[in-house]
Structures are given as C-alpha cells and as structure tokens.
C-alpha atoms as a PDB file:
ATOM      1  CA  MET A   1      18.389  -6.669  -8.944  1.00  0.00           C
ATOM      2  CA  SER A   2      16.290  -7.537  -5.884  1.00  0.00           C
ATOM      3  CA  PRO A   3      13.230  -9.733  -6.334  1.00  0.00           C
ATOM      4  CA  VAL A   4       9.841  -8.079  -6.641  1.00  0.00           C
ATOM      5  CA  PRO A   5       7.818  -8.620  -3.456  1.00  0.00           C
ATOM      6  CA  THR A   6       4.659 -10.651  -3.857  1.00  0.00           C
ATOM      7  CA  ARG A   7       1.238  -9.159  -3.389  1.00  0.00           C
ATOM      8  CA  ALA A   8       0.880 -11.195  -0.165  1.00  0.00           C
ATOM      9  CA  GLU A   9       4.174  -9.803   1.156  1.00  0.00           C
ATOM     10  CA  ILE A  10       3.099  -6.249   0.349  1.00  0.00           C
ATOM     11  CA  GLU A  11      -0.278  -6.796   1.977  1.00  0.00           C
ATOM     12  CA  SER A  12       1.319  -8.247   5.115  1.00  0.00           C
ATOM     13  CA  VAL A  13       3.640  -5.261   5.535  1.00  0.00           C
ATOM     14  CA  LEU A  14       0.801  -2.814   4.936  1.00  0.00           C
ATOM     15  CA  VAL A  15      -1.538  -4.501   7.417  1.00  0.00           C
ATOM     16  CA  ASN A  16       1.181  -4.554  10.063  1.00  0.00           C
ATOM     17  CA  GLU A  17       2.313  -0.960   9.577  1.00  0.00           C
ATOM     18  CA  ILE A  18      -1.126   0.579   9.057  1.00  0.00           C
ATOM     19  CA  SER A  19      -2.400  -1.116  12.210  1.00  0.00           C
ATOM     20  CA  LYS A  20       0.423   0.667  14.076  1.00  0.00           C
ATOM     21  CA  MET A  21      -0.735   4.011  12.625  1.00  0.00           C
ATOM     22  CA  PHE A  22      -4.232   3.451  13.993  1.00  0.00           C
ATOM     23  CA  PRO A  23      -3.675   1.874  17.421  1.00  0.00           C
ATOM     24  CA  ASP A  24      -7.287   2.522  18.476  1.00  0.00           C
ATOM     25  CA  ALA A  25      -8.630   0.423  15.598  1.00  0.00           C
ATOM     26  CA  ALA A  26      -9.402  -3.160  16.553  1.00  0.00           C
ATOM     27  CA  ASN A  27      -8.332  -6.019  14.313  1.00  0.00           C
ATOM     28  CA  VAL A  28      -7.080  -4.226  11.214  1.00  0.00           C
ATOM     29  CA  THR A  29      -7.170  -6.689   8.324  1.00  0.00           C
ATOM     30  CA  ALA A  30      -6.582  -6.473   4.599  1.00  0.00           C
ATOM     31  CA  ASP A  31     -10.340  -6.026   4.110  1.00  0.00           C
ATOM     32  CA  THR A  32     -10.746  -3.204   6.625  1.00  0.00           C
ATOM     33  CA  PRO A  33     -12.028  -0.119   4.768  1.00  0.00           C
ATOM     34  CA  LEU A  34      -9.352   2.581   5.104  1.00  0.00           C
ATOM     35  CA  GLN A  35     -12.008   5.251   5.631  1.00  0.00           C
ATOM     36  CA  SER A  36     -13.317   3.381   8.680  1.00  0.00           C
ATOM     37  CA  LEU A  37      -9.901   3.879  10.291  1.00  0.00           C
ATOM     38  CA  GLY A  38     -10.215   7.650  10.045  1.00  0.00           C
ATOM     39  CA  LEU A  39      -7.869   7.997   7.080  1.00  0.00           C
ATOM     40  CA  ASP A  40      -7.066  11.637   6.394  1.00  0.00           C
ATOM     41  CA  SER A  41      -4.597  13.302   4.049  1.00  0.00           C
ATOM     42  CA  LEU A  42      -1.772  13.230   6.590  1.00  0.00           C
ATOM     43  CA  ARG A  43      -2.186   9.495   7.259  1.00  0.00           C
ATOM     44  CA  LEU A  44      -2.478   8.839   3.526  1.00  0.00           C
ATOM     45  CA  PHE A  45       0.799  10.668   2.988  1.00  0.00           C
ATOM     46  CA  GLU A  46       2.378   8.554   5.770  1.00  0.00           C
ATOM     47  CA  ILE A  47       1.173   5.396   4.021  1.00  0.00           C
ATOM     48  CA  PHE A  48       2.668   6.611   0.738  1.00  0.00           C
ATOM     49  CA  VAL A  49       5.993   7.326   2.471  1.00  0.00           C
ATOM     50  CA  LEU A  50       5.881   3.833   3.986  1.00  0.00           C
ATOM     51  CA  ILE A  51       5.301   2.277   0.562  1.00  0.00           C
ATOM     52  CA  GLU A  52       8.160   4.249  -0.958  1.00  0.00           C
ATOM     53  CA  LYS A  53      10.498   3.332   1.906  1.00  0.00           C
ATOM     54  CA  GLU A  54       9.563  -0.369   2.006  1.00  0.00           C
ATOM     55  CA  PHE A  55       9.092  -1.084  -1.699  1.00  0.00           C
ATOM     56  CA  GLY A  56      10.754   1.783  -3.567  1.00  0.00           C
ATOM     57  CA  GLU A  57       7.520   2.750  -5.302  1.00  0.00           C
ATOM     58  CA  SER A  58       6.220   6.315  -5.246  1.00  0.00           C
ATOM     59  CA  LEU A  59       2.458   6.666  -5.494  1.00  0.00           C
ATOM     60  CA  VAL A  60       2.436  10.459  -5.447  1.00  0.00           C
ATOM     61  CA  ASP A  61       3.305  10.622  -9.143  1.00  0.00           C
ATOM     62  CA  GLY A  62       0.301   8.663 -10.340  1.00  0.00           C
ATOM     63  CA  PRO A  63      -3.465   8.988 -10.298  1.00  0.00           C
ATOM     64  CA  LEU A  64      -5.298   8.107  -7.108  1.00  0.00           C
ATOM     65  CA  THR A  65      -8.607   6.310  -7.308  1.00  0.00           C
ATOM     66  CA  ARG A  66     -11.202   5.432  -4.732  1.00  0.00           C
ATOM     67  CA  GLY A  67     -10.802   1.801  -5.722  1.00  0.00           C
ATOM     68  CA  MET A  68      -7.119   1.611  -4.838  1.00  0.00           C
ATOM     69  CA  LEU A  69      -7.819   3.255  -1.479  1.00  0.00           C
ATOM     70  CA  GLU A  70     -10.857   1.136  -0.619  1.00  0.00           C
ATOM     71  CA  ASN A  71      -8.923  -1.156   1.729  1.00  0.00           C
ATOM     72  CA  ILE A  72      -5.418  -2.494   2.344  1.00  0.00           C
ATOM     73  CA  SER A  73      -5.957  -5.385  -0.061  1.00  0.00           C
ATOM     74  CA  ALA A  74      -6.802  -3.005  -2.920  1.00  0.00           C
ATOM     75  CA  LEU A  75      -3.800  -0.838  -2.094  1.00  0.00           C
ATOM     76  CA  ALA A  76      -1.534  -3.923  -2.050  1.00  0.00           C
ATOM     77  CA  ASP A  77      -2.928  -4.949  -5.463  1.00  0.00           C
ATOM     78  CA  HIS A  78      -2.129  -1.522  -6.854  1.00  0.00           C
ATOM     79  CA  VAL A  79       1.418  -1.481  -5.478  1.00  0.00           C
ATOM     80  CA  ALA A  80       2.079  -5.048  -6.670  1.00  0.00           C
ATOM     81  CA  GLY A  81       0.841  -4.157 -10.148  1.00  0.00           C
ATOM     82  CA  ARG A  82       3.070  -1.101 -10.352  1.00  0.00           C
ATOM     83  CA  LEU A  83       6.102  -3.046  -9.119  1.00  0.00           C
ATOM     84  CA  ALA A  84       5.452  -5.873 -11.594  1.00  0.00           C
ATOM     85  CA  ALA A  85       5.098  -3.394 -14.464  1.00  0.00           C
ATOM     86  CA  LYS A  86       8.313  -1.650 -13.446  1.00  0.00           C
ATOM     87  CA  ALA A  87      10.144  -4.992 -13.274  1.00  0.00           C
ATOM     88  CA  GLU A  88       8.777  -6.000 -16.664  1.00  0.00           C
ATOM     89  CA  ASN A  89       9.857  -2.700 -18.236  1.00  0.00           C
ATOM     90  CA  SER A  90      13.344  -2.901 -16.757  1.00  0.00           C
ATOM     91  CA  SER A  91      13.874  -6.442 -18.040  1.00  0.00           C
ATOM     92  CA  SER A  92      12.839  -5.541 -21.605  1.00  0.00           C
END
C-alpha cells in the first residue's frame, strides 16, 4: 500500500496545477480564494479530475460545501481528511 500524501504535499500539487489552469492569475497561493480565479463548473470538474488522478480520491461522490471550495488550502484539508479516513478504514 502506498503512503498517504500529507496535507502539505496535497496543497503543493494543487497550488502548482491550479495555477497552470489559470495562467492569467498572478501569484496563486494556498490562500487565494478559488472564486477570485474565475472558478466555474468546468474548471471545478477539472480540479476534481486532477485530484482523482493524482491522489486516487473522487470528490464527485460526496457533498460539496462552500467551505471546502473557499481556497486551495481548504480543498487540500478536505482531500487529506478523506484520504486519512480511507487509510484508517482500510487498515481496520
């Protein structure tokens, strides 16, 4: 079984990849509000595909909240929590 990526690792990947999706946005950081980037449903779907590809976690099967989509840091927290829970359940 591969190790669960840390929250910092998830956040780093998301910052890097999301900044590529929005090349006109200056200095995308973990605290950049996603809405300020012009996030729409297509870009959100692309982010979900990225998360599934990079981390093996599908977000389309769970509830979406404004809080988890507030910024990249919040999204990384959500993904890390889901991955940790999945790892905990599989080791039980």
